[in-house]
C-alpha atoms as a PDB file:
ATOM      1  CA  UNK A   1       0.377  -0.171  -0.302  1.00  0.00           C
ATOM      2  CA  UNK A   2       1.349   3.205  -0.865  1.00  0.00           C
ATOM      3  CA  UNK A   3       2.428   5.698   2.332  1.00  0.00           C
ATOM      4  CA  UNK A   4      -0.386   8.152   1.115  1.00  0.00           C
ATOM      5  CA  UNK A   5      -3.252   5.846   1.539  1.00  0.00           C
ATOM      6  CA  UNK A   6      -1.377   4.264   4.719  1.00  0.00           C
ATOM      7  CA  UNK A   7      -1.133   8.186   6.252  1.00  0.00           C
ATOM      8  CA  UNK A   8      -4.976   8.812   5.415  1.00  0.00           C
ATOM      9  CA  UNK A   9      -6.261   5.490   6.876  1.00  0.00           C
ATOM     10  CA  UNK A  10      -4.075   6.372  10.262  1.00  0.00           C
ATOM     11  CA  UNK A  11      -5.343   9.907  10.320  1.00  0.00           C
ATOM     12  CA  UNK A  12      -9.121   9.214   8.962  1.00  0.00           C
ATOM     13  CA  UNK A  13     -11.699  10.908  10.594  1.00  0.00           C
ATOM     14  CA  UNK A  14     -15.088  10.297  10.499  1.00  0.00           C
ATOM     15  CA  UNK A  15     -16.677  10.198   6.954  1.00  0.00           C
ATOM     16  CA  UNK A  16     -13.179  10.824   5.376  1.00  0.00           C
ATOM     17  CA  UNK A  17     -12.898   9.359   1.848  1.00  0.00           C
ATOM     18  CA  UNK A  18     -10.140   7.933   0.317  1.00  0.00           C
ATOM     19  CA  UNK A  19     -10.146   6.448  -3.041  1.00  0.00           C
ATOM     20  CA  UNK A  20      -9.873   2.186  -3.154  1.00  0.00           C
ATOM     21  CA  UNK A  21      -6.817   2.982  -6.042  1.00  0.00           C
ATOM     22  CA  UNK A  22      -3.515   1.449  -3.993  1.00  0.00           C
ATOM     23  CA  UNK A  23      -5.510  -0.357  -1.632  1.00  0.00           C
ATOM     24  CA  UNK A  24      -3.998  -3.566  -0.429  1.00  0.00           C
ATOM     25  CA  UNK A  25      -6.094  -6.513   0.990  1.00  0.00           C
ATOM     26  CA  UNK A  26      -3.982  -7.573   3.676  1.00  0.00           C
ATOM     27  CA  UNK A  27      -4.342  -3.609   5.203  1.00  0.00           C
ATOM     28  CA  UNK A  28      -7.995  -4.410   5.803  1.00  0.00           C
ATOM     29  CA  UNK A  29      -7.751  -6.659   8.520  1.00  0.00           C
ATOM     30  CA  UNK A  30      -6.747  -3.955  10.864  1.00  0.00           C
ATOM     31  CA  UNK A  31     -10.800  -3.057  10.906  1.00  0.00           C
ATOM     32  CA  UNK A  32     -12.994  -4.654  12.927  1.00  0.00           C
ATOM     33  CA  UNK A  33     -15.823  -4.630  10.670  1.00  0.00           C
ATOM     34  CA  UNK A  34     -16.567  -4.785   6.578  1.00  0.00           C
ATOM     35  CA  UNK A  35     -19.509  -3.772   3.938  1.00  0.00           C
ATOM     36  CA  UNK A  36     -20.157  -2.803   0.840  1.00  0.00           C
ATOM     37  CA  UNK A  37     -22.087   0.248  -0.441  1.00  0.00           C
ATOM     38  CA  UNK A  38     -20.309   3.203  -2.616  1.00  0.00           C
ATOM     39  CA  UNK A  39     -17.327   3.011  -4.703  1.00  0.00           C
ATOM     40  CA  UNK A  40     -14.902   4.329  -2.100  1.00  0.00           C
ATOM     41  CA  UNK A  41     -13.352   3.305   0.757  1.00  0.00           C
ATOM     42  CA  UNK A  42     -14.593   5.138   3.742  1.00  0.00           C
ATOM     43  CA  UNK A  43     -13.181   4.800   7.287  1.00  0.00           C
ATOM     44  CA  UNK A  44     -15.238   5.878  10.128  1.00  0.00           C
ATOM     45  CA  UNK A  45     -14.521   6.042  13.973  1.00  0.00           C
ATOM     46  CA  UNK A  46     -17.708   4.805  16.115  1.00  0.00           C
ATOM     47  CA  UNK A  47     -16.863   4.346  19.653  1.00  0.00           C
ATOM     48  CA  UNK A  48     -13.182   4.247  19.587  1.00  0.00           C
ATOM     49  CA  UNK A  49     -13.692   1.512  16.795  1.00  0.00           C
ATOM     50  CA  UNK A  50     -12.501   2.007  12.754  1.00  0.00           C
ATOM     51  CA  UNK A  51     -14.845   0.780  10.870  1.00  0.00           C
ATOM     52  CA  UNK A  52     -14.245   0.082   6.943  1.00  0.00           C
ATOM     53  CA  UNK A  53     -16.667   0.403   4.779  1.00  0.00           C
ATOM     54  CA  UNK A  54     -16.071  -0.488   1.075  1.00  0.00           C
ATOM     55  CA  UNK A  55     -18.632  -0.714  -1.761  1.00  0.00           C
ATOM     56  CA  UNK A  56     -18.866  -1.941  -5.316  1.00  0.00           C
ATOM     57  CA  UNK A  57     -14.923  -2.306  -4.695  1.00  0.00           C
ATOM     58  CA  UNK A  58     -15.356  -4.964  -2.469  1.00  0.00           C
ATOM     59  CA  UNK A  59     -18.239  -7.155  -4.455  1.00  0.00           C
ATOM     60  CA  UNK A  60     -17.551  -7.747  -7.883  1.00  0.00           C
ATOM     61  CA  UNK A  61     -20.443  -8.584  -9.526  1.00  0.00           C
ATOM     62  CA  UNK A  62     -20.043 -10.986 -12.293  1.00  0.00           C
ATOM     63  CA  UNK A  63     -22.251 -10.036 -15.717  1.00  0.00           C
ATOM     64  CA  UNK A  64     -22.739 -11.577 -18.609  1.00  0.00           C
ATOM     65  CA  UNK A  65     -23.063  -9.081 -21.613  1.00  0.00           C
ATOM     66  CA  UNK A  66     -24.617 -10.723 -24.753  1.00  0.00           C
ATOM     67  CA  UNK A  67     -23.877  -8.481 -27.328  1.00  0.00           C
ATOM     68  CA  UNK A  68     -22.998  -8.916 -31.321  1.00  0.00           C
ATOM     69  CA  UNK A  69     -20.954  -5.428 -31.450  1.00  0.00           C
ATOM     70  CA  UNK A  70     -17.463  -6.472 -29.931  1.00  0.00           C
ATOM     71  CA  UNK A  71     -16.373  -2.689 -29.809  1.00  0.00           C
ATOM     72  CA  UNK A  72     -19.682  -1.433 -27.719  1.00  0.00           C
ATOM     73  CA  UNK A  73     -18.913  -4.595 -25.615  1.00  0.00           C
ATOM     74  CA  UNK A  74     -15.110  -3.297 -25.534  1.00  0.00           C
ATOM     75  CA  UNK A  75     -16.632  -0.052 -24.364  1.00  0.00           C
ATOM     76  CA  UNK A  76     -19.102  -0.855 -21.762  1.00  0.00           C
ATOM     77  CA  UNK A  77     -16.672  -3.387 -20.430  1.00  0.00           C
ATOM     78  CA  UNK A  78     -13.678  -1.058 -19.972  1.00  0.00           C
ATOM     79  CA  UNK A  79     -16.271   1.401 -17.414  1.00  0.00           C
ATOM     80  CA  UNK A  80     -17.808  -1.695 -15.717  1.00  0.00           C
ATOM     81  CA  UNK A  81     -14.311  -2.958 -15.190  1.00  0.00           C
ATOM     82  CA  UNK A  82     -13.637   0.463 -13.234  1.00  0.00           C
ATOM     83  CA  UNK A  83     -16.580  -0.158 -10.961  1.00  0.00           C
ATOM     84  CA  UNK A  84     -15.442  -3.379  -9.656  1.00  0.00           C
ATOM     85  CA  UNK A  85     -17.756  -5.165 -12.115  1.00  0.00           C
ATOM     86  CA  UNK A  86     -16.282  -8.423 -14.122  1.00  0.00           C
ATOM     87  CA  UNK A  87     -17.968  -8.503 -17.353  1.00  0.00           C
ATOM     88  CA  UNK A  88     -18.007 -11.934 -19.828  1.00  0.00           C
ATOM     89  CA  UNK A  89     -18.890 -11.495 -23.318  1.00  0.00           C
ATOM     90  CA  UNK A  90     -21.341 -13.479 -25.356  1.00  0.00           C
ATOM     91  CA  UNK A  91     -21.673 -12.482 -29.312  1.00  0.00           C
ATOM     92  CA  UNK A  92     -25.056 -14.326 -29.298  1.00  0.00           C
ATOM     93  CA  UNK A  93     -27.820 -16.004 -27.422  1.00  0.00           C
ATOM     94  CA  UNK A  94     -26.520 -19.606 -27.994  1.00  0.00           C
ATOM     95  CA  UNK A  95     -23.115 -18.404 -26.531  1.00  0.00           C
ATOM     96  CA  UNK A  96     -25.063 -16.913 -23.696  1.00  0.00           C
ATOM     97  CA  UNK A  97     -27.012 -20.125 -22.990  1.00  0.00           C
ATOM     98  CA  UNK A  98     -23.608 -22.080 -22.921  1.00  0.00           C
ATOM     99  CA  UNK A  99     -22.041 -19.764 -20.457  1.00  0.00           C
ATOM    100  CA  UNK A 100     -24.645 -19.723 -18.344  1.00  0.00           C
ATOM    101  CA  UNK A 101     -24.906 -23.105 -18.211  1.00  0.00           C
ATOM    102  CA  UNK A 102     -20.897 -23.696 -17.212  1.00  0.00           C
ATOM    103  CA  UNK A 103     -20.736 -20.323 -15.056  1.00  0.00           C
ATOM    104  CA  UNK A 104     -22.789 -18.312 -12.472  1.00  0.00           C
ATOM    105  CA  UNK A 105     -23.331 -14.593 -13.017  1.00  0.00           C
ATOM    106  CA  UNK A 106     -24.768 -12.024 -10.840  1.00  0.00           C
ATOM    107  CA  UNK A 107     -27.111 -10.195 -13.586  1.00  0.00           C
ATOM    108  CA  UNK A 108     -27.240 -10.644 -17.372  1.00  0.00           C
ATOM    109  CA  UNK A 109     -27.590  -7.841 -19.910  1.00  0.00           C
ATOM    110  CA  UNK A 110     -29.273  -8.698 -23.031  1.00  0.00           C
ATOM    111  CA  UNK A 111     -29.309  -6.777 -26.337  1.00  0.00           C
ATOM    112  CA  UNK A 112     -32.063  -7.684 -28.396  1.00  0.00           C
ATOM    113  CA  UNK A 113     -30.912  -7.788 -31.690  1.00  0.00           C
ATOM    114  CA  UNK A 114     -28.883 -10.699 -31.703  1.00  0.00           C
ATOM    115  CA  UNK A 115     -28.142 -13.039 -34.535  1.00  0.00           C
ATOM    116  CA  UNK A 116     -28.722 -16.934 -33.856  1.00  0.00           C
ATOM    117  CA  UNK A 117     -30.969 -16.216 -30.899  1.00  0.00           C
ATOM    118  CA  UNK A 118     -32.386 -13.288 -30.386  1.00  0.00           C
ATOM    119  CA  UNK A 119     -32.937 -11.213 -27.344  1.00  0.00           C
ATOM    120  CA  UNK A 120     -36.087 -11.963 -26.654  1.00  0.00           C
ATOM    121  CA  UNK A 121     -35.441 -15.810 -27.181  1.00  0.00           C
ATOM    122  CA  UNK A 122     -32.698 -15.453 -24.469  1.00  0.00           C
ATOM    123  CA  UNK A 123     -35.315 -13.834 -22.291  1.00  0.00           C
ATOM    124  CA  UNK A 124     -37.668 -17.045 -22.443  1.00  0.00           C
ATOM    125  CA  UNK A 125     -34.755 -19.173 -22.248  1.00  0.00           C
ATOM    126  CA  UNK A 126     -33.522 -17.338 -19.004  1.00  0.00           C
ATOM    127  CA  UNK A 127     -36.938 -17.408 -17.172  1.00  0.00           C
ATOM    128  CA  UNK A 128     -36.864 -20.772 -18.046  1.00  0.00           C
ATOM    129  CA  UNK A 129     -33.927 -22.386 -16.870  1.00  0.00           C
ATOM    130  CA  UNK A 130     -32.978 -19.013 -14.261  1.00  0.00           C
ATOM    131  CA  UNK A 131     -36.036 -17.657 -13.339  1.00  0.00           C
ATOM    132  CA  UNK A 132     -34.265 -15.456 -10.456  1.00  0.00           C
ATOM    133  CA  UNK A 133     -31.228 -14.385 -12.478  1.00  0.00           C
ATOM    134  CA  UNK A 134     -31.811 -10.461 -13.150  1.00  0.00           C
ATOM    135  CA  UNK A 135     -32.186  -9.831 -17.012  1.00  0.00           C
ATOM    136  CA  UNK A 136     -31.496  -6.524 -17.939  1.00  0.00           C
ATOM    137  CA  UNK A 137     -31.925  -5.666 -21.782  1.00  0.00           C
ATOM    138  CA  UNK A 138     -30.602  -2.979 -23.858  1.00  0.00           C
ATOM    139  CA  UNK A 139     -31.933  -1.861 -27.416  1.00  0.00           C
ATOM    140  CA  UNK A 140     -31.913   0.818 -29.728  1.00  0.00           C
ATOM    141  CA  UNK A 141     -35.743   0.367 -30.599  1.00  0.00           C
ATOM    142  CA  UNK A 142     -37.501   2.934 -29.325  1.00  0.00           C
ATOM    143  CA  UNK A 143     -41.188   1.479 -29.564  1.00  0.00           C
ATOM    144  CA  UNK A 144     -42.899   2.752 -26.980  1.00  0.00           C
ATOM    145  CA  UNK A 145     -44.888  -0.331 -26.328  1.00  0.00           C
ATOM    146  CA  UNK A 146     -41.493  -2.188 -25.903  1.00  0.00           C
ATOM    147  CA  UNK A 147     -41.442  -1.636 -22.389  1.00  0.00           C
ATOM    148  CA  UNK A 148     -44.615  -3.474 -21.460  1.00  0.00           C
ATOM    149  CA  UNK A 149     -43.640  -6.295 -23.728  1.00  0.00           C
ATOM    150  CA  UNK A 150     -40.090  -6.427 -21.993  1.00  0.00           C
ATOM    151  CA  UNK A 151     -41.941  -6.635 -18.712  1.00  0.00           C
ATOM    152  CA  UNK A 152     -43.925  -9.653 -19.567  1.00  0.00           C
ATOM    153  CA  UNK A 153     -40.702 -11.370 -21.259  1.00  0.00           C
ATOM    154  CA  UNK A 154     -39.325 -10.853 -17.611  1.00  0.00           C
ATOM    155  CA  UNK A 155     -36.841  -8.073 -18.029  1.00  0.00           C
ATOM    156  CA  UNK A 156     -36.001  -7.302 -14.836  1.00  0.00           C
ATOM    157  CA  UNK A 157     -34.890  -3.778 -16.157  1.00  0.00           C
ATOM    158  CA  UNK A 158     -34.525  -2.189 -19.866  1.00  0.00           C
ATOM    159  CA  UNK A 159     -31.934   0.328 -21.210  1.00  0.00           C
ATOM    160  CA  UNK A 160     -32.203   2.432 -24.742  1.00  0.00           C
ATOM    161  CA  UNK A 161     -29.185   2.574 -26.229  1.00  0.00           C
ATOM    162  CA  UNK A 162     -26.861   4.561 -25.832  1.00  0.00           C
ATOM    163  CA  UNK A 163     -27.457   4.347 -22.144  1.00  0.00           C
ATOM    164  CA  UNK A 164     -25.437   5.900 -19.031  1.00  0.00           C
ATOM    165  CA  UNK A 165     -23.579   3.101 -17.525  1.00  0.00           C
ATOM    166  CA  UNK A 166     -24.183   4.578 -13.818  1.00  0.00           C
ATOM    167  CA  UNK A 167     -27.590   3.714 -14.014  1.00  0.00           C
ATOM    168  CA  UNK A 168     -26.583  -0.329 -14.576  1.00  0.00           C
ATOM    169  CA  UNK A 169     -24.139   0.106 -12.053  1.00  0.00           C
ATOM    170  CA  UNK A 170     -27.076   1.746  -9.520  1.00  0.00           C
ATOM    171  CA  UNK A 171     -28.813  -1.648 -10.475  1.00  0.00           C
ATOM    172  CA  UNK A 172     -26.189  -3.989  -9.706  1.00  0.00           C
ATOM    173  CA  UNK A 173     -25.767  -2.294  -6.179  1.00  0.00           C
ATOM    174  CA  UNK A 174     -29.604  -3.036  -5.410  1.00  0.00           C
ATOM    175  CA  UNK A 175     -28.589  -6.653  -6.119  1.00  0.00           C
ATOM    176  CA  UNK A 176     -26.136  -6.748  -3.346  1.00  0.00           C
END
């Protein structure tokens, strides 16, 4: 851990915020409690004891992103990684279902316009095999009736492309 972070931890007062970058996990053992909330390291002194609150930095969400546009995935993944989200890519619905059968995910983000198996069919398969898995949909289709259709098909939430990554991060935080 850098000396600057060490000094900040040692001299922190109630609600001091310290960026997560540079923090080594072994240093966290000096604190009695650790919990997840925001994307910052927050040191608090309560009854003479220091409490360390971590958020997006301590709980990594695994999200399967089903998107046929690799450039879009790469741009989205770069933003998600900075927020301690582990994005995994599937280029179509068939590949996505294979990935879901092989690994566990905290959520799925699916584009509707996919080759081989479109997003609607992916949602149908998700609800049949993984009914509790949050399924977020992203689409460029601005059809006003689409919102209702997506809810009926089992979408947890949906985003019109382009969307603010922070909206997705907020939904992921609600899962924790």
